[in-house]
Structures are given as C-alpha cells and as structure tokens.
Amino acid sequence: MKSFLLIGAISSLFLGACQSNGASKQKSTAKATTADQVTTDSASTKPADNKTILARREVPVLCYHQIRNNIASDSKRAHDDIIAPDKFREHIKMLADSGYHTILPDQLYNYLVYGAKLPEKPIMITFDDTDEDQFTIGNATLKKYGFKGVYFIMTVSIGRKGRINYMTKEQIKQLADEGNTIASHTYDHKNFATFTDADWTTQIDEPTKKLAQITGKKVEYFAFPYGVSKSSTLHKLKEHGFKAAFILSTARDENYPLYTIRRIIDPGRYTAKNLYYSINKSFNKTKS
C-alpha cells in the first residue's frame, strides 16, 4: 500500500483527538468488548441477504505479520509485512487514545448477518503466519490496552525455531484461553486460487482439526494466504465449516461478502498519523 500524506485538517483532527484523551482516556477505552456484550437473538432474526451485508458500514480490520526490526537481508517487498516493535506499540496506543474498541470475528459476523450492535469505533486487529513475536510483543501490547486480537495460524510452522521463531502449541492455547480468536491460515500458506481437491483436506480440514485440538474451541474463520481468493470456490469454505473469511484490500465479492471481508496492512513505514488516515480513507464509512 502507498503511504498517504496527511492534509492539515486531518493532522489537526488526529492530534486533537489524541491530546484530548490522555491517560484517563486510555483506561476508559481500553475495556475489550466481549461477544456477550453484542449478542443478538439469531434464532428469531432473519439472516441478512448479500445486498444488506454489503450495505452495512464496513468495520476497519488491520493485518500484521512480523513485529521486529528490519535486517539487511529483508527484501523491499518484505518491509510492508514488518513493523518495528516500538512503532507497533505506538500504533496500538494511538488506536486506544483515539477511542477504538477491538472486536472479534463472532461480533463482526453477528453484526453483518443479524444487525447486532457493535461498540463505538469498532476495529479488528489480526495477525497472519504464526510468528512468535505476535505473542511476545503483539499480545502483550494488546493486553496493555484491554484489546483482543485474531491470530490466523499456519499450522506447518507451529513450534518451529530458526531465523524466525514461531508460536508453540502452548502459546496458541494461551491466546485462546485469554479470549482471543484462533483461526486458520492453511497448512503451509498455499495460494487459495491454486487449490486442488486434495488441498481441501491438507490445507483446510486438517489444520482446522489441529487448531481445534490445541485450543478446545471450534475454528470458524479463515484468512487467504497473500489475500488471494477465488470466486468459483468460495462456496466451499462454508461447506468446510467457516462462517467468514478475510482477504486484504481488494474489492469484496458481491455474491460472497462474508467470505471476502477486507483488511488493510499496517506497513512498517507508517507513522501513527499515517495509520489513522489510512483507516479512515480505506474504510470511508467509518466516522472519526
């Protein structure tokens, strides 16, 4: 994604919002909203059709990968997927100071399908690929502000150590026990658009089963590797037990809006102001 230059009015708005909140605002907005707080009686509410789902105000969804400092061997392309720990902490603090409240996929699903209420200024924070820094830095930072996250796990990597360390089963279980959502990101990051019949077992069913065994909870959400989906096979995600799936910044599929929920990456080159502007530009129905 391209960096955005803030116009003076946006800068003033952002700075004013942050300065007016202060430490007391952090505490008041830091309370995570649980699914219990935004329930709806789905048994007596008719599910929305695709047109209604598409017409609902989009909720900002952020995507993170590696939370670490860049090294010389990192490619230029990789820089978009890497954010320095101090910058990540600064960005999450900005979200708290600006009055955002994190939500989880069940809440988003109930909002889109049944019109359930969401907290003021909802946002979803997601992590892809199982990197251990998402636990040691990402989760620790979110907890500081009472935030919850969604962790899309690539199961081939669980417990692996090397140049990049990956989360262990115990860490994934802890995330689930603390109220975060554990979701699927395939077995080994295979492009969804190239799936064969066999891949629905190796890339979808087996990882889902493994994650359910680790967490003791159903796995009902999926993120496409590289953000790439394929219209002709989206229907199969529901057949394999998923309630919704997440792409990146491309357009939603009109026939399958629940399986093409948009996210944006928070690049390492962004300042907190850049991120604030990007959220409002990318999800332009979200009010400041």
C-alpha atoms as a PDB file:
ATOM      1  CA  MET A   1       0.000   0.000   0.000  1.00  0.00           C
ATOM      2  CA  LYS A   2       1.070   3.506  -0.706  1.00  0.00           C
ATOM      3  CA  SER A   3       1.883   5.967   2.042  1.00  0.00           C
ATOM      4  CA  PHE A   4      -0.541   8.821   2.419  1.00  0.00           C
ATOM      5  CA  LEU A   5       0.303  12.454   3.134  1.00  0.00           C
ATOM      6  CA  LEU A   6      -1.925  13.964   5.757  1.00  0.00           C
ATOM      7  CA  ILE A   7      -3.594  17.201   4.945  1.00  0.00           C
ATOM      8  CA  GLY A   8      -3.587  19.821   7.643  1.00  0.00           C
ATOM      9  CA  ALA A   9      -7.201  19.255   8.640  1.00  0.00           C
ATOM     10  CA  ILE A  10      -6.683  15.533   9.212  1.00  0.00           C
ATOM     11  CA  SER A  11      -3.492  16.163  11.184  1.00  0.00           C
ATOM     12  CA  SER A  12      -5.306  18.622  13.410  1.00  0.00           C
ATOM     13  CA  LEU A  13      -8.182  16.268  13.922  1.00  0.00           C
ATOM     14  CA  PHE A  14      -5.877  13.397  14.819  1.00  0.00           C
ATOM     15  CA  LEU A  15      -3.686  15.393  17.155  1.00  0.00           C
ATOM     16  CA  GLY A  16      -6.673  16.943  18.846  1.00  0.00           C
ATOM     17  CA  ALA A  17      -8.248  13.566  19.423  1.00  0.00           C
ATOM     18  CA  CYS A  18      -5.071  12.116  20.887  1.00  0.00           C
ATOM     19  CA  GLN A  19      -4.266  15.110  23.068  1.00  0.00           C
ATOM     20  CA  SER A  20      -7.767  15.325  24.494  1.00  0.00           C
ATOM     21  CA  ASN A  21      -7.794  11.708  25.589  1.00  0.00           C
ATOM     22  CA  GLY A  22      -4.632  11.296  27.678  1.00  0.00           C
ATOM     23  CA  ALA A  23      -4.021   8.550  30.180  1.00  0.00           C
ATOM     24  CA  SER A  24      -7.567   8.582  31.554  1.00  0.00           C
ATOM     25  CA  LYS A  25      -8.965   8.040  28.044  1.00  0.00           C
ATOM     26  CA  GLN A  26      -6.716   5.022  27.606  1.00  0.00           C
ATOM     27  CA  LYS A  27      -8.282   3.422  30.646  1.00  0.00           C
ATOM     28  CA  SER A  28     -11.851   4.165  29.608  1.00  0.00           C
ATOM     29  CA  THR A  29     -11.417   2.896  26.031  1.00  0.00           C
ATOM     30  CA  ALA A  30      -9.170   0.002  26.928  1.00  0.00           C
ATOM     31  CA  LYS A  31     -12.004  -2.244  28.004  1.00  0.00           C
ATOM     32  CA  ALA A  32     -12.342  -5.028  25.468  1.00  0.00           C
ATOM     33  CA  THR A  33     -15.852  -5.723  24.275  1.00  0.00           C
ATOM     34  CA  THR A  34     -16.713  -9.391  24.507  1.00  0.00           C
ATOM     35  CA  ALA A  35     -19.125 -11.283  22.322  1.00  0.00           C
ATOM     36  CA  ASP A  36     -21.559 -11.397  25.238  1.00  0.00           C
ATOM     37  CA  GLN A  37     -21.914  -7.614  25.081  1.00  0.00           C
ATOM     38  CA  VAL A  38     -23.115  -7.543  21.470  1.00  0.00           C
ATOM     39  CA  THR A  39     -25.318 -10.601  21.209  1.00  0.00           C
ATOM     40  CA  THR A  40     -28.422 -10.923  19.106  1.00  0.00           C
ATOM     41  CA  ASP A  41     -31.251 -13.427  19.046  1.00  0.00           C
ATOM     42  CA  SER A  42     -30.263 -15.156  15.828  1.00  0.00           C
ATOM     43  CA  ALA A  43     -32.982 -17.750  16.325  1.00  0.00           C
ATOM     44  CA  SER A  44     -35.670 -15.119  15.787  1.00  0.00           C
ATOM     45  CA  THR A  45     -33.783 -12.794  13.430  1.00  0.00           C
ATOM     46  CA  LYS A  46     -33.746 -13.433   9.704  1.00  0.00           C
ATOM     47  CA  PRO A  47     -30.194 -13.502   8.281  1.00  0.00           C
ATOM     48  CA  ALA A  48     -29.368 -10.574   6.022  1.00  0.00           C
ATOM     49  CA  ASP A  49     -29.013 -11.089   2.297  1.00  0.00           C
ATOM     50  CA  ASN A  50     -25.815 -10.219   0.444  1.00  0.00           C
ATOM     51  CA  LYS A  51     -27.054  -6.797  -0.601  1.00  0.00           C
ATOM     52  CA  THR A  52     -27.812  -5.869   3.008  1.00  0.00           C
ATOM     53  CA  ILE A  53     -24.457  -7.171   4.213  1.00  0.00           C
ATOM     54  CA  LEU A  54     -22.625  -5.128   1.583  1.00  0.00           C
ATOM     55  CA  ALA A  55     -24.622  -2.025   2.530  1.00  0.00           C
ATOM     56  CA  ARG A  56     -23.630  -2.176   6.196  1.00  0.00           C
ATOM     57  CA  ARG A  57     -20.879   0.171   7.320  1.00  0.00           C
ATOM     58  CA  GLU A  58     -17.515  -1.579   6.988  1.00  0.00           C
ATOM     59  CA  VAL A  59     -15.554  -2.206  10.156  1.00  0.00           C
ATOM     60  CA  PRO A  60     -11.811  -1.447   9.903  1.00  0.00           C
ATOM     61  CA  VAL A  61      -9.707  -4.610  10.027  1.00  0.00           C
ATOM     62  CA  LEU A  62      -5.926  -4.328  10.389  1.00  0.00           C
ATOM     63  CA  CYS A  63      -3.430  -7.006   9.375  1.00  0.00           C
ATOM     64  CA  TYR A  64       0.023  -7.576  10.865  1.00  0.00           C
ATOM     65  CA  HIS A  65       2.724 -10.106  10.093  1.00  0.00           C
ATOM     66  CA  GLN A  66       6.177  -9.719  11.667  1.00  0.00           C
ATOM     67  CA  ILE A  67       6.782  -7.396  14.608  1.00  0.00           C
ATOM     68  CA  ARG A  68      10.534  -6.887  14.548  1.00  0.00           C
ATOM     69  CA  ASN A  69      13.234  -4.565  13.292  1.00  0.00           C
ATOM     70  CA  ASN A  70      14.344  -4.797   9.678  1.00  0.00           C
ATOM     71  CA  ILE A  71      17.593  -6.553   8.846  1.00  0.00           C
ATOM     72  CA  ALA A  72      19.875  -6.206   5.826  1.00  0.00           C
ATOM     73  CA  SER A  73      18.639  -9.390   4.156  1.00  0.00           C
ATOM     74  CA  ASP A  74      14.981  -8.262   4.136  1.00  0.00           C
ATOM     75  CA  SER A  75      13.638  -7.577   0.650  1.00  0.00           C
ATOM     76  CA  LYS A  76      11.997  -4.274  -0.187  1.00  0.00           C
ATOM     77  CA  ARG A  77       8.663  -6.089  -0.526  1.00  0.00           C
ATOM     78  CA  ALA A  78       9.075  -7.630   2.934  1.00  0.00           C
ATOM     79  CA  HIS A  79       9.163  -4.191   4.535  1.00  0.00           C
ATOM     80  CA  ASP A  80       5.387  -3.900   4.184  1.00  0.00           C
ATOM     81  CA  ASP A  81       4.994  -7.018   6.326  1.00  0.00           C
ATOM     82  CA  ILE A  82       7.457  -5.949   9.022  1.00  0.00           C
ATOM     83  CA  ILE A  83       6.758  -3.370  11.686  1.00  0.00           C
ATOM     84  CA  ALA A  84       9.256  -2.384  14.382  1.00  0.00           C
ATOM     85  CA  PRO A  85       8.172  -3.215  17.955  1.00  0.00           C
ATOM     86  CA  ASP A  86       8.284   0.412  19.120  1.00  0.00           C
ATOM     87  CA  LYS A  87       6.225   1.516  16.113  1.00  0.00           C
ATOM     88  CA  PHE A  88       3.688  -1.253  16.681  1.00  0.00           C
ATOM     89  CA  ARG A  89       3.278  -0.157  20.291  1.00  0.00           C
ATOM     90  CA  GLU A  90       2.878   3.457  19.166  1.00  0.00           C
ATOM     91  CA  HIS A  91       0.177   2.490  16.655  1.00  0.00           C
ATOM     92  CA  ILE A  92      -1.801   0.428  19.167  1.00  0.00           C
ATOM     93  CA  LYS A  93      -1.589   3.256  21.701  1.00  0.00           C
ATOM     94  CA  MET A  94      -2.935   5.627  19.056  1.00  0.00           C
ATOM     95  CA  LEU A  95      -5.928   3.351  18.488  1.00  0.00           C
ATOM     96  CA  ALA A  96      -6.673   3.280  22.213  1.00  0.00           C
ATOM     97  CA  ASP A  97      -6.192   7.029  22.587  1.00  0.00           C
ATOM     98  CA  SER A  98      -8.481   7.637  19.596  1.00  0.00           C
ATOM     99  CA  GLY A  99     -11.338   5.705  21.172  1.00  0.00           C
ATOM    100  CA  TYR A 100     -11.260   2.477  19.162  1.00  0.00           C
ATOM    101  CA  HIS A 101     -12.604  -0.741  20.664  1.00  0.00           C
ATOM    102  CA  THR A 102     -11.435  -4.114  19.370  1.00  0.00           C
ATOM    103  CA  ILE A 103     -13.982  -6.675  18.263  1.00  0.00           C
ATOM    104  CA  LEU A 104     -13.651 -10.333  17.313  1.00  0.00           C
ATOM    105  CA  PRO A 105     -14.970 -12.277  14.311  1.00  0.00           C
ATOM    106  CA  ASP A 106     -18.116 -13.577  16.035  1.00  0.00           C
ATOM    107  CA  GLN A 107     -19.112  -9.994  16.796  1.00  0.00           C
ATOM    108  CA  LEU A 108     -18.468  -8.900  13.225  1.00  0.00           C
ATOM    109  CA  TYR A 109     -20.409 -11.865  11.876  1.00  0.00           C
ATOM    110  CA  ASN A 110     -23.419 -11.153  14.091  1.00  0.00           C
ATOM    111  CA  TYR A 111     -23.318  -7.504  13.043  1.00  0.00           C
ATOM    112  CA  LEU A 112     -23.152  -8.269   9.328  1.00  0.00           C
ATOM    113  CA  VAL A 113     -25.682 -11.106   9.326  1.00  0.00           C
ATOM    114  CA  TYR A 114     -28.115 -10.136  12.090  1.00  0.00           C
ATOM    115  CA  GLY A 115     -27.511  -6.430  12.622  1.00  0.00           C
ATOM    116  CA  ALA A 116     -26.159  -6.876  16.153  1.00  0.00           C
ATOM    117  CA  LYS A 117     -24.861  -3.720  17.785  1.00  0.00           C
ATOM    118  CA  LEU A 118     -21.131  -3.036  17.964  1.00  0.00           C
ATOM    119  CA  PRO A 119     -19.198  -0.797  20.343  1.00  0.00           C
ATOM    120  CA  GLU A 120     -18.390   2.756  19.337  1.00  0.00           C
ATOM    121  CA  LYS A 121     -15.498   2.933  16.837  1.00  0.00           C
ATOM    122  CA  PRO A 122     -15.027  -0.821  16.407  1.00  0.00           C
ATOM    123  CA  ILE A 123     -11.824  -2.197  14.914  1.00  0.00           C
ATOM    124  CA  MET A 124     -10.381  -5.675  14.438  1.00  0.00           C
ATOM    125  CA  ILE A 125      -6.675  -6.434  14.828  1.00  0.00           C
ATOM    126  CA  THR A 126      -5.437  -9.552  13.040  1.00  0.00           C
ATOM    127  CA  PHE A 127      -2.118 -11.369  12.749  1.00  0.00           C
ATOM    128  CA  ASP A 128      -1.032 -13.785   9.998  1.00  0.00           C
ATOM    129  CA  ASP A 129       1.526 -16.593   9.813  1.00  0.00           C
ATOM    130  CA  THR A 130       2.085 -17.674  13.459  1.00  0.00           C
ATOM    131  CA  ASP A 131       5.241 -15.619  14.184  1.00  0.00           C
ATOM    132  CA  GLU A 132       6.213 -15.782  17.862  1.00  0.00           C
ATOM    133  CA  ASP A 133       6.625 -12.003  18.089  1.00  0.00           C
ATOM    134  CA  GLN A 134       2.872 -11.769  17.625  1.00  0.00           C
ATOM    135  CA  PHE A 135       2.615 -13.449  21.025  1.00  0.00           C
ATOM    136  CA  THR A 136       5.548 -11.899  22.864  1.00  0.00           C
ATOM    137  CA  ILE A 137       5.065  -8.348  21.562  1.00  0.00           C
ATOM    138  CA  GLY A 138       1.689  -8.283  19.821  1.00  0.00           C
ATOM    139  CA  ASN A 139      -0.399  -9.949  22.512  1.00  0.00           C
ATOM    140  CA  ALA A 140       1.455  -8.225  25.344  1.00  0.00           C
ATOM    141  CA  THR A 141       0.791  -4.825  23.780  1.00  0.00           C
ATOM    142  CA  LEU A 142      -2.884  -5.531  23.115  1.00  0.00           C
ATOM    143  CA  LYS A 143      -3.370  -6.693  26.697  1.00  0.00           C
ATOM    144  CA  LYS A 144      -1.982  -3.400  27.973  1.00  0.00           C
ATOM    145  CA  TYR A 145      -4.979  -1.629  26.447  1.00  0.00           C
ATOM    146  CA  GLY A 146      -7.548  -4.339  27.071  1.00  0.00           C
ATOM    147  CA  PHE A 147      -7.609  -5.232  23.377  1.00  0.00           C
ATOM    148  CA  LYS A 148      -8.173  -8.657  21.833  1.00  0.00           C
ATOM    149  CA  GLY A 149      -6.809  -9.984  18.546  1.00  0.00           C
ATOM    150  CA  VAL A 150      -7.353 -12.591  15.852  1.00  0.00           C
ATOM    151  CA  TYR A 151      -4.473 -14.958  15.088  1.00  0.00           C
ATOM    152  CA  PHE A 152      -4.536 -16.705  11.704  1.00  0.00           C
ATOM    153  CA  ILE A 153      -2.340 -19.750  12.184  1.00  0.00           C
ATOM    154  CA  MET A 154      -0.284 -21.515   9.513  1.00  0.00           C
ATOM    155  CA  THR A 155      -0.052 -24.920  11.156  1.00  0.00           C
ATOM    156  CA  VAL A 156       3.133 -26.145   9.449  1.00  0.00           C
ATOM    157  CA  SER A 157       5.051 -23.530  11.429  1.00  0.00           C
ATOM    158  CA  ILE A 158       3.800 -24.293  14.930  1.00  0.00           C
ATOM    159  CA  GLY A 159       6.775 -24.671  17.294  1.00  0.00           C
ATOM    160  CA  ARG A 160       9.443 -24.130  14.637  1.00  0.00           C
ATOM    161  CA  LYS A 161      12.612 -22.248  15.575  1.00  0.00           C
ATOM    162  CA  GLY A 162      15.171 -20.581  13.320  1.00  0.00           C
ATOM    163  CA  ARG A 163      15.810 -17.166  11.792  1.00  0.00           C
ATOM    164  CA  ILE A 164      12.152 -16.610  12.569  1.00  0.00           C
ATOM    165  CA  ASN A 165      10.631 -18.319  15.587  1.00  0.00           C
ATOM    166  CA  TYR A 166       7.021 -19.395  15.556  1.00  0.00           C
ATOM    167  CA  MET A 167       4.431 -19.819  18.266  1.00  0.00           C
ATOM    168  CA  THR A 168       4.181 -23.059  20.202  1.00  0.00           C
ATOM    169  CA  LYS A 169       1.013 -25.006  20.888  1.00  0.00           C
ATOM    170  CA  GLU A 170       1.115 -23.723  24.455  1.00  0.00           C
ATOM    171  CA  GLN A 171       1.241 -20.096  23.332  1.00  0.00           C
ATOM    172  CA  ILE A 172      -1.633 -20.601  20.893  1.00  0.00           C
ATOM    173  CA  LYS A 173      -3.665 -22.253  23.655  1.00  0.00           C
ATOM    174  CA  GLN A 174      -2.928 -19.327  25.979  1.00  0.00           C
ATOM    175  CA  LEU A 175      -4.122 -16.829  23.373  1.00  0.00           C
ATOM    176  CA  ALA A 176      -7.389 -18.747  23.027  1.00  0.00           C
ATOM    177  CA  ASP A 177      -7.812 -19.075  26.795  1.00  0.00           C
ATOM    178  CA  GLU A 178      -7.341 -15.305  27.190  1.00  0.00           C
ATOM    179  CA  GLY A 179     -10.265 -14.619  24.862  1.00  0.00           C
ATOM    180  CA  ASN A 180      -8.514 -14.046  21.547  1.00  0.00           C
ATOM    181  CA  THR A 181      -9.682 -15.806  18.383  1.00  0.00           C
ATOM    182  CA  ILE A 182      -7.565 -18.556  16.820  1.00  0.00           C
ATOM    183  CA  ALA A 183      -8.331 -19.015  13.130  1.00  0.00           C
ATOM    184  CA  SER A 184      -6.969 -20.787  10.055  1.00  0.00           C
ATOM    185  CA  HIS A 185      -4.368 -19.637   7.520  1.00  0.00           C
ATOM    186  CA  THR A 186      -3.900 -23.012   5.768  1.00  0.00           C
ATOM    187  CA  TYR A 187      -1.203 -25.618   6.428  1.00  0.00           C
ATOM    188  CA  ASP A 188       1.728 -24.027   4.579  1.00  0.00           C
ATOM    189  CA  HIS A 189       0.417 -20.799   3.019  1.00  0.00           C
ATOM    190  CA  LYS A 190      -0.641 -22.301  -0.290  1.00  0.00           C
ATOM    191  CA  ASN A 191      -2.384 -19.881  -2.644  1.00  0.00           C
ATOM    192  CA  PHE A 192      -6.146 -20.481  -2.384  1.00  0.00           C
ATOM    193  CA  ALA A 193      -6.605 -19.803  -6.110  1.00  0.00           C
ATOM    194  CA  THR A 194      -4.497 -22.884  -6.928  1.00  0.00           C
ATOM    195  CA  PHE A 195      -6.200 -25.354  -4.565  1.00  0.00           C
ATOM    196  CA  THR A 196      -6.705 -28.878  -5.839  1.00  0.00           C
ATOM    197  CA  ASP A 197      -9.359 -31.239  -4.475  1.00  0.00           C
ATOM    198  CA  ALA A 198      -6.761 -32.767  -2.155  1.00  0.00           C
ATOM    199  CA  ASP A 199      -5.884 -29.373  -0.722  1.00  0.00           C
ATOM    200  CA  TRP A 200      -9.289 -29.067   0.923  1.00  0.00           C
ATOM    201  CA  THR A 201      -8.122 -31.841   3.214  1.00  0.00           C
ATOM    202  CA  THR A 202      -4.462 -30.899   3.698  1.00  0.00           C
ATOM    203  CA  GLN A 203      -4.798 -27.112   3.661  1.00  0.00           C
ATOM    204  CA  ILE A 204      -8.223 -26.711   5.279  1.00  0.00           C
ATOM    205  CA  ASP A 205      -9.671 -29.680   7.170  1.00  0.00           C
ATOM    206  CA  GLU A 206      -6.512 -30.994   8.815  1.00  0.00           C
ATOM    207  CA  PRO A 207      -5.304 -27.556  10.024  1.00  0.00           C
ATOM    208  CA  THR A 208      -8.793 -26.789  11.365  1.00  0.00           C
ATOM    209  CA  LYS A 209      -8.839 -30.066  13.271  1.00  0.00           C
ATOM    210  CA  LYS A 210      -5.350 -29.470  14.680  1.00  0.00           C
ATOM    211  CA  LEU A 211      -6.175 -25.960  15.887  1.00  0.00           C
ATOM    212  CA  ALA A 212      -9.405 -27.178  17.479  1.00  0.00           C
ATOM    213  CA  GLN A 213      -7.438 -29.862  19.318  1.00  0.00           C
ATOM    214  CA  ILE A 214      -4.949 -27.275  20.597  1.00  0.00           C
ATOM    215  CA  THR A 215      -7.499 -24.703  21.728  1.00  0.00           C
ATOM    216  CA  GLY A 216     -10.500 -26.839  22.585  1.00  0.00           C
ATOM    217  CA  LYS A 217     -12.618 -24.440  20.519  1.00  0.00           C
ATOM    218  CA  LYS A 218     -14.223 -24.511  17.077  1.00  0.00           C
ATOM    219  CA  VAL A 219     -12.248 -22.868  14.271  1.00  0.00           C
ATOM    220  CA  GLU A 220     -14.704 -20.932  12.122  1.00  0.00           C
ATOM    221  CA  TYR A 221     -12.709 -18.186  10.404  1.00  0.00           C
ATOM    222  CA  PHE A 222     -10.109 -18.163   7.651  1.00  0.00           C
ATOM    223  CA  ALA A 223      -7.639 -15.732   6.080  1.00  0.00           C
ATOM    224  CA  PHE A 224      -6.479 -16.219   2.496  1.00  0.00           C
ATOM    225  CA  PRO A 225      -2.703 -16.509   2.018  1.00  0.00           C
ATOM    226  CA  TYR A 226      -1.493 -13.432   0.115  1.00  0.00           C
ATOM    227  CA  GLY A 227      -5.057 -12.125   0.442  1.00  0.00           C
ATOM    228  CA  VAL A 228      -5.956 -14.019  -2.755  1.00  0.00           C
ATOM    229  CA  SER A 229      -9.406 -15.611  -3.099  1.00  0.00           C
ATOM    230  CA  LYS A 230     -11.198 -17.345  -5.976  1.00  0.00           C
ATOM    231  CA  SER A 231     -14.889 -16.700  -6.616  1.00  0.00           C
ATOM    232  CA  SER A 232     -15.696 -20.117  -8.035  1.00  0.00           C
ATOM    233  CA  THR A 233     -14.642 -21.967  -4.869  1.00  0.00           C
ATOM    234  CA  LEU A 234     -15.676 -19.531  -2.139  1.00  0.00           C
ATOM    235  CA  HIS A 235     -18.841 -21.532  -1.502  1.00  0.00           C
ATOM    236  CA  LYS A 236     -16.706 -24.453  -0.348  1.00  0.00           C
ATOM    237  CA  LEU A 237     -15.471 -22.502   2.669  1.00  0.00           C
ATOM    238  CA  LYS A 238     -18.945 -22.657   4.161  1.00  0.00           C
ATOM    239  CA  GLU A 239     -19.140 -26.351   3.328  1.00  0.00           C
ATOM    240  CA  HIS A 240     -15.929 -26.873   5.294  1.00  0.00           C
ATOM    241  CA  GLY A 241     -17.222 -25.129   8.397  1.00  0.00           C
ATOM    242  CA  PHE A 242     -16.167 -21.490   8.056  1.00  0.00           C
ATOM    243  CA  LYS A 243     -18.562 -18.664   8.898  1.00  0.00           C
ATOM    244  CA  ALA A 244     -16.439 -15.957   7.268  1.00  0.00           C
ATOM    245  CA  ALA A 245     -13.082 -15.353   5.597  1.00  0.00           C
ATOM    246  CA  PHE A 246     -10.726 -12.395   5.203  1.00  0.00           C
ATOM    247  CA  ILE A 247      -8.945 -11.030   2.145  1.00  0.00           C
ATOM    248  CA  LEU A 248      -6.712  -7.968   2.033  1.00  0.00           C
ATOM    249  CA  SER A 249      -7.540  -4.656   0.361  1.00  0.00           C
ATOM    250  CA  THR A 250      -9.158  -5.869  -2.865  1.00  0.00           C
ATOM    251  CA  ALA A 251     -12.889  -5.491  -3.526  1.00  0.00           C
ATOM    252  CA  ARG A 252     -15.395  -7.740  -1.797  1.00  0.00           C
ATOM    253  CA  ASP A 253     -17.196 -10.408  -3.803  1.00  0.00           C
ATOM    254  CA  GLU A 254     -20.846  -9.355  -4.273  1.00  0.00           C
ATOM    255  CA  ASN A 255     -22.021 -12.964  -4.069  1.00  0.00           C
ATOM    256  CA  TYR A 256     -19.868 -13.891  -1.069  1.00  0.00           C
ATOM    257  CA  PRO A 257     -19.337 -10.777   1.068  1.00  0.00           C
ATOM    258  CA  LEU A 258     -18.893 -12.812   4.256  1.00  0.00           C
ATOM    259  CA  TYR A 259     -16.008 -14.706   2.660  1.00  0.00           C
ATOM    260  CA  THR A 260     -14.229 -11.640   1.322  1.00  0.00           C
ATOM    261  CA  ILE A 261     -14.082  -9.305   4.322  1.00  0.00           C
ATOM    262  CA  ARG A 262     -11.494  -6.612   3.668  1.00  0.00           C
ATOM    263  CA  ARG A 263      -8.369  -5.936   5.711  1.00  0.00           C
ATOM    264  CA  ILE A 264      -5.514  -3.471   5.299  1.00  0.00           C
ATOM    265  CA  ILE A 265      -1.884  -3.978   6.251  1.00  0.00           C
ATOM    266  CA  ASP A 266      -0.294  -1.525   8.667  1.00  0.00           C
ATOM    267  CA  PRO A 267       3.123  -1.132   6.964  1.00  0.00           C
ATOM    268  CA  GLY A 268       6.278  -0.611   8.955  1.00  0.00           C
ATOM    269  CA  ARG A 269       6.911   2.698   7.214  1.00  0.00           C
ATOM    270  CA  TYR A 270       3.683   4.237   8.544  1.00  0.00           C
ATOM    271  CA  THR A 271       3.605   6.697  11.391  1.00  0.00           C
ATOM    272  CA  ALA A 272       0.640   6.576  13.752  1.00  0.00           C
ATOM    273  CA  LYS A 273      -0.803   9.540  11.836  1.00  0.00           C
ATOM    274  CA  ASN A 274      -0.440   7.654   8.552  1.00  0.00           C
ATOM    275  CA  LEU A 275      -2.307   4.697  10.014  1.00  0.00           C
ATOM    276  CA  TYR A 276      -5.098   6.873  11.364  1.00  0.00           C
ATOM    277  CA  TYR A 277      -5.545   8.474   7.953  1.00  0.00           C
ATOM    278  CA  SER A 278      -5.356   5.125   6.149  1.00  0.00           C
ATOM    279  CA  ILE A 279      -8.083   3.619   8.344  1.00  0.00           C
ATOM    280  CA  ASN A 280     -10.425   6.499   7.583  1.00  0.00           C
ATOM    281  CA  LYS A 281      -9.615   6.526   3.871  1.00  0.00           C
ATOM    282  CA  SER A 282      -9.795   2.752   3.354  1.00  0.00           C
ATOM    283  CA  PHE A 283     -12.968   2.298   5.383  1.00  0.00           C
ATOM    284  CA  ASN A 284     -14.518   5.591   4.377  1.00  0.00           C
ATOM    285  CA  LYS A 285     -17.841   4.934   6.057  1.00  0.00           C
ATOM    286  CA  THR A 286     -16.116   4.795   9.413  1.00  0.00           C
ATOM    287  CA  LYS A 287     -16.525   8.069  11.225  1.00  0.00           C
ATOM    288  CA  SER A 288     -13.662   9.671  13.099  1.00  0.00           C
END
